[in-house]
PDB file of all heavy atoms in Angstrom:
ATOM      1  N   ALA A   1       0.848  -1.192   0.000  1.00  0.00           N
ATOM      2  CA  ALA A   1       0.000   0.000   0.000  1.00  0.00           C
ATOM      3  C   ALA A   1       0.880   1.237   0.000  1.00  0.00           C
ATOM      4  O   ALA A   1       2.086   1.159   0.270  1.00  0.00           O
ATOM      5  CB  ALA A   1      -0.926  -0.008   1.223  1.00  0.00           C
ATOM      6  N   GLY A   2       0.254   2.365  -0.285  1.00  0.00           N
ATOM      7  CA  GLY A   2       1.005   3.623  -0.266  1.00  0.00           C
ATOM      8  C   GLY A   2       2.089   3.656  -1.323  1.00  0.00           C
ATOM      9  O   GLY A   2       3.170   4.179  -1.082  1.00  0.00           O
ATOM     10  N   GLY A   3       1.796   3.077  -2.495  1.00  0.00           N
ATOM     11  CA  GLY A   3       2.800   3.045  -3.543  1.00  0.00           C
ATOM     12  C   GLY A   3       3.926   2.082  -3.254  1.00  0.00           C
ATOM     13  O   GLY A   3       5.019   2.217  -3.793  1.00  0.00           O
ATOM     14  N   GLY A   4       3.699   1.126  -2.391  1.00  0.00           N
ATOM     15  CA  GLY A   4       4.705   0.114  -2.079  1.00  0.00           C
ATOM     16  C   GLY A   4       5.551   0.416  -0.863  1.00  0.00           C
ATOM     17  O   GLY A   4       6.456  -0.346  -0.539  1.00  0.00           O
ATOM     18  N   VAL A   5       5.262   1.520  -0.157  1.00  0.00           N
ATOM     19  CA  VAL A   5       6.085   1.864   1.012  1.00  0.00           C
ATOM     20  C   VAL A   5       5.721   1.047   2.248  1.00  0.00           C
ATOM     21  O   VAL A   5       6.486   0.972   3.197  1.00  0.00           O
ATOM     22  CB  VAL A   5       6.027   3.379   1.331  1.00  0.00           C
ATOM     23  CG1 VAL A   5       6.672   4.185   0.223  1.00  0.00           C
ATOM     24  CG2 VAL A   5       4.612   3.836   1.596  1.00  0.00           C
ATOM     25  N   VAL A   6       4.532   0.431   2.216  1.00  0.00           N
ATOM     26  CA  VAL A   6       4.112  -0.438   3.316  1.00  0.00           C
ATOM     27  C   VAL A   6       3.713  -1.780   2.713  1.00  0.00           C
ATOM     28  O   VAL A   6       2.986  -1.837   1.727  1.00  0.00           O
ATOM     29  CB  VAL A   6       2.932   0.166   4.111  1.00  0.00           C
ATOM     30  CG1 VAL A   6       2.388  -0.850   5.112  1.00  0.00           C
ATOM     31  CG2 VAL A   6       3.358   1.430   4.834  1.00  0.00           C
ATOM     32  N   SER A   7       4.209  -2.847   3.305  1.00  0.00           N
ATOM     33  CA  SER A   7       3.906  -4.196   2.851  1.00  0.00           C
ATOM     34  C   SER A   7       3.397  -5.004   4.039  1.00  0.00           C
ATOM     35  O   SER A   7       3.984  -4.969   5.118  1.00  0.00           O
ATOM     36  CB  SER A   7       5.173  -4.827   2.281  1.00  0.00           C
ATOM     37  OG  SER A   7       4.954  -6.168   1.969  1.00  0.00           O
ATOM     38  N   VAL A   8       2.296  -5.712   3.834  1.00  0.00           N
ATOM     39  CA  VAL A   8       1.713  -6.548   4.885  1.00  0.00           C
ATOM     40  C   VAL A   8       1.704  -7.983   4.395  1.00  0.00           C
ATOM     41  O   VAL A   8       1.261  -8.276   3.284  1.00  0.00           O
ATOM     42  CB  VAL A   8       0.272  -6.104   5.226  1.00  0.00           C
ATOM     43  CG1 VAL A   8      -0.385  -7.090   6.186  1.00  0.00           C
ATOM     44  CG2 VAL A   8       0.264  -4.710   5.812  1.00  0.00           C
ATOM     45  N   LYS A   9       2.212  -8.882   5.223  1.00  0.00           N
ATOM     46  CA  LYS A   9       2.180 -10.315   4.933  1.00  0.00           C
ATOM     47  C   LYS A   9       1.142 -10.931   5.870  1.00  0.00           C
ATOM     48  O   LYS A   9       1.166 -10.685   7.079  1.00  0.00           O
ATOM     49  CB  LYS A   9       3.554 -10.931   5.160  1.00  0.00           C
ATOM     50  CG  LYS A   9       3.691 -12.329   4.624  1.00  0.00           C
ATOM     51  CD  LYS A   9       5.112 -12.827   4.854  1.00  0.00           C
ATOM     52  CE  LYS A   9       5.590 -13.565   3.640  1.00  0.00           C
ATOM     53  NZ  LYS A   9       6.965 -14.031   3.828  1.00  0.00           N
ATOM     54  N   ILE A  10       0.235 -11.721   5.288  1.00  0.00           N
ATOM     55  CA  ILE A  10      -0.870 -12.308   6.044  1.00  0.00           C
ATOM     56  C   ILE A  10      -1.032 -13.759   5.606  1.00  0.00           C
ATOM     57  O   ILE A  10      -0.701 -14.107   4.478  1.00  0.00           O
ATOM     58  CB  ILE A  10      -2.169 -11.498   5.796  1.00  0.00           C
ATOM     59  CG1 ILE A  10      -3.314 -11.926   6.710  1.00  0.00           C
ATOM     60  CG2 ILE A  10      -2.590 -11.558   4.328  1.00  0.00           C
ATOM     61  CD1 ILE A  10      -4.538 -11.000   6.655  1.00  0.00           C
ATOM     62  N   ASN A  11      -1.535 -14.600   6.510  1.00  0.00           N
ATOM     63  CA  ASN A  11      -1.804 -15.985   6.112  1.00  0.00           C
ATOM     64  C   ASN A  11      -3.306 -16.172   5.902  1.00  0.00           C
ATOM     65  O   ASN A  11      -4.092 -15.254   6.104  1.00  0.00           O
ATOM     66  CB  ASN A  11      -1.223 -16.994   7.116  1.00  0.00           C
ATOM     67  CG  ASN A  11      -1.882 -16.959   8.474  1.00  0.00           C
ATOM     68  OD1 ASN A  11      -2.987 -16.456   8.657  1.00  0.00           O
ATOM     69  ND2 ASN A  11      -1.199 -17.513   9.465  1.00  0.00           N
ATOM     70  N   GLY A  12      -3.670 -17.376   5.492  1.00  0.00           N
ATOM     71  CA  GLY A  12      -5.062 -17.681   5.204  1.00  0.00           C
ATOM     72  C   GLY A  12      -5.979 -17.672   6.413  1.00  0.00           C
ATOM     73  O   GLY A  12      -7.198 -17.667   6.269  1.00  0.00           O
ATOM     74  N   LYS A  13      -5.405 -17.653   7.599  1.00  0.00           N
ATOM     75  CA  LYS A  13      -6.207 -17.561   8.826  1.00  0.00           C
ATOM     76  C   LYS A  13      -6.434 -16.110   9.227  1.00  0.00           C
ATOM     77  O   LYS A  13      -6.967 -15.831  10.293  1.00  0.00           O
ATOM     78  CB  LYS A  13      -5.498 -18.287   9.976  1.00  0.00           C
ATOM     79  CG  LYS A  13      -5.375 -19.771   9.787  1.00  0.00           C
ATOM     80  CD  LYS A  13      -4.627 -20.366  10.973  1.00  0.00           C
ATOM     81  CE  LYS A  13      -4.333 -21.828  10.763  1.00  0.00           C
ATOM     82  NZ  LYS A  13      -3.572 -22.394  11.880  1.00  0.00           N
ATOM     83  N   LYS A  14      -5.975 -15.184   8.364  1.00  0.00           N
ATOM     84  CA  LYS A  14      -6.084 -13.740   8.593  1.00  0.00           C
ATOM     85  C   LYS A  14      -5.218 -13.285   9.765  1.00  0.00           C
ATOM     86  O   LYS A  14      -5.555 -12.360  10.477  1.00  0.00           O
ATOM     87  CB  LYS A  14      -7.536 -13.310   8.783  1.00  0.00           C
ATOM     88  CG  LYS A  14      -8.430 -13.635   7.618  1.00  0.00           C
ATOM     89  CD  LYS A  14      -9.848 -13.221   7.889  1.00  0.00           C
ATOM     90  CE  LYS A  14     -10.773 -13.929   6.934  1.00  0.00           C
ATOM     91  NZ  LYS A  14     -12.149 -13.868   7.361  1.00  0.00           N
ATOM     92  N   GLU A  15      -4.090 -13.975   9.943  1.00  0.00           N
ATOM     93  CA  GLU A  15      -3.115 -13.581  10.957  1.00  0.00           C
ATOM     94  C   GLU A  15      -2.021 -12.785  10.271  1.00  0.00           C
ATOM     95  O   GLU A  15      -1.432 -13.252   9.292  1.00  0.00           O
ATOM     96  CB  GLU A  15      -2.513 -14.813  11.631  1.00  0.00           C
ATOM     97  CG  GLU A  15      -3.527 -15.667  12.356  1.00  0.00           C
ATOM     98  CD  GLU A  15      -2.970 -17.015  12.785  1.00  0.00           C
ATOM     99  OE1 GLU A  15      -2.029 -17.526  12.154  1.00  0.00           O
ATOM    100  OE2 GLU A  15      -3.515 -17.566  13.758  1.00  0.00           O
ATOM    101  N   ILE A  16      -1.742 -11.585  10.782  1.00  0.00           N
ATOM    102  CA  ILE A  16      -0.683 -10.758  10.219  1.00  0.00           C
ATOM    103  C   ILE A  16       0.656 -11.384  10.598  1.00  0.00           C
ATOM    104  O   ILE A  16       0.942 -11.606  11.773  1.00  0.00           O
ATOM    105  CB  ILE A  16      -0.767  -9.299  10.739  1.00  0.00           C
ATOM    106  CG1 ILE A  16      -2.136  -8.690  10.423  1.00  0.00           C
ATOM    107  CG2 ILE A  16       0.370  -8.466  10.170  1.00  0.00           C
ATOM    108  CD1 ILE A  16      -2.471  -8.590   8.966  1.00  0.00           C
ATOM    109  N   LEU A  17       1.481 -11.678   9.593  1.00  0.00           N
ATOM    110  CA  LEU A  17       2.772 -12.316   9.828  1.00  0.00           C
ATOM    111  C   LEU A  17       3.902 -11.287   9.880  1.00  0.00           C
ATOM    112  O   LEU A  17       4.876 -11.478  10.605  1.00  0.00           O
ATOM    113  CB  LEU A  17       3.060 -13.333   8.732  1.00  0.00           C
ATOM    114  CG  LEU A  17       2.005 -14.436   8.560  1.00  0.00           C
ATOM    115  CD1 LEU A  17       2.338 -15.299   7.352  1.00  0.00           C
ATOM    116  CD2 LEU A  17       1.900 -15.277   9.819  1.00  0.00           C
ATOM    117  N   ALA A  18       3.769 -10.221   9.086  1.00  0.00           N
ATOM    118  CA  ALA A  18       4.824  -9.212   9.055  1.00  0.00           C
ATOM    119  C   ALA A  18       4.274  -7.917   8.464  1.00  0.00           C
ATOM    120  O   ALA A  18       3.371  -7.939   7.633  1.00  0.00           O
ATOM    121  CB  ALA A  18       6.004  -9.698   8.220  1.00  0.00           C
ATOM    122  N   ILE A  19       4.840  -6.819   8.907  1.00  0.00           N
ATOM    123  CA  ILE A  19       4.566  -5.507   8.325  1.00  0.00           C
ATOM    124  C   ILE A  19       5.918  -4.865   8.063  1.00  0.00           C
ATOM    125  O   ILE A  19       6.749  -4.752   8.962  1.00  0.00           O
ATOM    126  CB  ILE A  19       3.724  -4.620   9.262  1.00  0.00           C
ATOM    127  CG1 ILE A  19       2.336  -5.240   9.479  1.00  0.00           C
ATOM    128  CG2 ILE A  19       3.601  -3.211   8.680  1.00  0.00           C
ATOM    129  CD1 ILE A  19       1.446  -4.471  10.443  1.00  0.00           C
ATOM    130  N   ASP A  20       6.130  -4.490   6.807  1.00  0.00           N
ATOM    131  CA  ASP A  20       7.384  -3.858   6.419  1.00  0.00           C
ATOM    132  C   ASP A  20       7.088  -2.404   6.049  1.00  0.00           C
ATOM    133  O   ASP A  20       6.215  -2.143   5.219  1.00  0.00           O
ATOM    134  CB  ASP A  20       8.000  -4.597   5.227  1.00  0.00           C
ATOM    135  CG  ASP A  20       9.342  -4.002   4.826  1.00  0.00           C
ATOM    136  OD1 ASP A  20      10.176  -3.768   5.724  1.00  0.00           O
ATOM    137  OD2 ASP A  20       9.542  -3.775   3.618  1.00  0.00           O
ATOM    138  N   ILE A  21       7.796  -1.487   6.662  1.00  0.00           N
ATOM    139  CA  ILE A  21       7.590  -0.056   6.421  1.00  0.00           C
ATOM    140  C   ILE A  21       8.901   0.533   5.903  1.00  0.00           C
ATOM    141  O   ILE A  21       9.936   0.428   6.566  1.00  0.00           O
ATOM    142  CB  ILE A  21       7.162   0.661   7.725  1.00  0.00           C
ATOM    143  CG1 ILE A  21       5.889   0.020   8.288  1.00  0.00           C
ATOM    144  CG2 ILE A  21       6.984   2.156   7.480  1.00  0.00           C
ATOM    145  CD1 ILE A  21       5.552   0.459   9.693  1.00  0.00           C
ATOM    146  N   GLN A  22       8.837   1.128   4.725  1.00  0.00           N
ATOM    147  CA  GLN A  22      10.020   1.778   4.151  1.00  0.00           C
ATOM    148  C   GLN A  22      10.321   3.056   4.942  1.00  0.00           C
ATOM    149  O   GLN A  22       9.405   3.804   5.298  1.00  0.00           O
ATOM    150  CB  GLN A  22       9.789   2.121   2.677  1.00  0.00           C
ATOM    151  CG  GLN A  22       9.536   0.897   1.802  1.00  0.00           C
ATOM    152  CD  GLN A  22      10.718  -0.052   1.794  1.00  0.00           C
ATOM    153  OE1 GLN A  22      11.856   0.359   1.625  1.00  0.00           O
ATOM    154  NE2 GLN A  22      10.440  -1.330   2.011  1.00  0.00           N
ATOM    155  N   PRO A  23      11.571   3.321   5.232  1.00  0.00           N
ATOM    156  CA  PRO A  23      11.954   4.466   6.072  1.00  0.00           C
ATOM    157  C   PRO A  23      11.462   5.819   5.542  1.00  0.00           C
ATOM    158  O   PRO A  23      11.129   6.704   6.331  1.00  0.00           O
ATOM    159  CB  PRO A  23      13.481   4.430   6.081  1.00  0.00           C
ATOM    160  CG  PRO A  23      13.855   3.075   5.650  1.00  0.00           C
ATOM    161  CD  PRO A  23      12.732   2.526   4.832  1.00  0.00           C
ATOM    162  N   GLU A  24      11.356   5.959   4.217  1.00  0.00           N
ATOM    163  CA  GLU A  24      10.960   7.260   3.676  1.00  0.00           C
ATOM    164  C   GLU A  24       9.531   7.667   4.012  1.00  0.00           C
ATOM    165  O   GLU A  24       9.186   8.842   3.938  1.00  0.00           O
ATOM    166  CB  GLU A  24      11.177   7.320   2.148  1.00  0.00           C
ATOM    167  CG  GLU A  24      10.341   6.345   1.345  1.00  0.00           C
ATOM    168  CD  GLU A  24      11.062   5.042   1.029  1.00  0.00           C
ATOM    169  OE1 GLU A  24      12.045   4.696   1.697  1.00  0.00           O
ATOM    170  OE2 GLU A  24      10.605   4.359   0.101  1.00  0.00           O
ATOM    171  N   ILE A  25       8.686   6.716   4.418  1.00  0.00           N
ATOM    172  CA  ILE A  25       7.306   7.065   4.773  1.00  0.00           C
ATOM    173  C   ILE A  25       7.192   7.491   6.233  1.00  0.00           C
ATOM    174  O   ILE A  25       6.217   8.080   6.650  1.00  0.00           O
ATOM    175  CB  ILE A  25       6.338   5.906   4.456  1.00  0.00           C
ATOM    176  CG1 ILE A  25       4.881   6.352   4.531  1.00  0.00           C
ATOM    177  CG2 ILE A  25       6.554   4.756   5.402  1.00  0.00           C
ATOM    178  CD1 ILE A  25       4.466   7.389   3.552  1.00  0.00           C
ATOM    179  N   VAL A  26       8.200   7.215   7.028  1.00  0.00           N
ATOM    180  CA  VAL A  26       8.154   7.537   8.456  1.00  0.00           C
ATOM    181  C   VAL A  26       8.495   9.016   8.651  1.00  0.00           C
ATOM    182  O   VAL A  26       9.627   9.443   8.470  1.00  0.00           O
ATOM    183  CB  VAL A  26       9.125   6.641   9.263  1.00  0.00           C
ATOM    184  CG1 VAL A  26       9.044   6.987  10.743  1.00  0.00           C
ATOM    185  CG2 VAL A  26       8.808   5.171   9.035  1.00  0.00           C
ATOM    186  N   ASP A  27       7.470   9.768   8.994  1.00  0.00           N
ATOM    187  CA  ASP A  27       7.620  11.201   9.250  1.00  0.00           C
ATOM    188  C   ASP A  27       7.037  11.472  10.631  1.00  0.00           C
ATOM    189  O   ASP A  27       5.823  11.376  10.820  1.00  0.00           O
ATOM    190  CB  ASP A  27       6.882  12.014   8.183  1.00  0.00           C
ATOM    191  CG  ASP A  27       6.991  13.518   8.397  1.00  0.00           C
ATOM    192  OD1 ASP A  27       7.575  13.943   9.419  1.00  0.00           O
ATOM    193  OD2 ASP A  27       6.488  14.259   7.535  1.00  0.00           O
ATOM    194  N   PRO A  28       7.865  11.796  11.599  1.00  0.00           N
ATOM    195  CA  PRO A  28       7.370  12.015  12.961  1.00  0.00           C
ATOM    196  C   PRO A  28       6.309  13.116  13.048  1.00  0.00           C
ATOM    197  O   PRO A  28       5.473  13.105  13.947  1.00  0.00           O
ATOM    198  CB  PRO A  28       8.612  12.421  13.754  1.00  0.00           C
ATOM    199  CG  PRO A  28       9.773  12.078  12.915  1.00  0.00           C
ATOM    200  CD  PRO A  28       9.310  11.975  11.508  1.00  0.00           C
TER     201      PRO A  28
END
């Protein structure tokens, strides 16, 4: 999502396995 800056990995049980956030989207 967000043009690829956030990636979510999920399994078939709808359990979130990982969330990857690119540093350039992190703005305090």
